[in-house]
């Protein structure tokens, strides 16, 4: 059903006329001291017929008059505020970022289709007591710190209980802990070392990236250890 018809059904459910809506909205506009909240009966008729679209001010008035949730009215016009996380990596695909948290109210189904496919192998199994401590991150399309071991665009599984940087010797690169780091205005992922109050972000030997230094913990904070990742085996994002 078109959005205008749904709004009309809400009005009919309240048993009020378009003129009564105008009068009620005028009182809201007067109380607000802002005429943008006022809805004329002629404009409302156009809206219900699909010949117009509401502004946020008029939609607010309709939510009051119809006793409807404003967020539900926004969804009539394909605006769902809960979709914010879903489009984070669409708006900023080059930046490494957290996607969502399993067990803290976020809906993993709201990430993109490609990321959802990767989540299949990364989600905790049934009975996994660590589920509440798991975060998911997206490696930005320009982040080559761990290339080619973890390629840009990879989905990362992060255990937030493991925030202490482990020093020691490792038999191979796969045993060496990888950490997800929160910076001042960004995120990063890679091997890490502490030298005094300096946190060093160590790139993979084959990566073109250089070692980065941050004042710890002022400029860098450990979100957790990367305990799983889904990455391509070829550079599918090359030239993106």
Foldseek 3Di string as FASTA:
>chain_A
DALLQVLVVLCVVVVDALCVLQVQQVVVCVVVVHCLSGDHSVVSVCSSVVNDDHDLSVLVSSCVVSVHDSQVSVVSVVDHVLLVLQCPCVVPQQAKFWRFAFQPPRDPVSHDPVVVVFVVVVQDDPPPPQRRQKTKIFAHQNAQQAPPVAHHGKIFIFGQVAFDQDDDDDPDPVPQWKFWKDFPPGIHIAGWDDDPQKIWGHGDPVTPDDIDIDGPPVGMGTRGIGPDMDHDNDSPVVPD
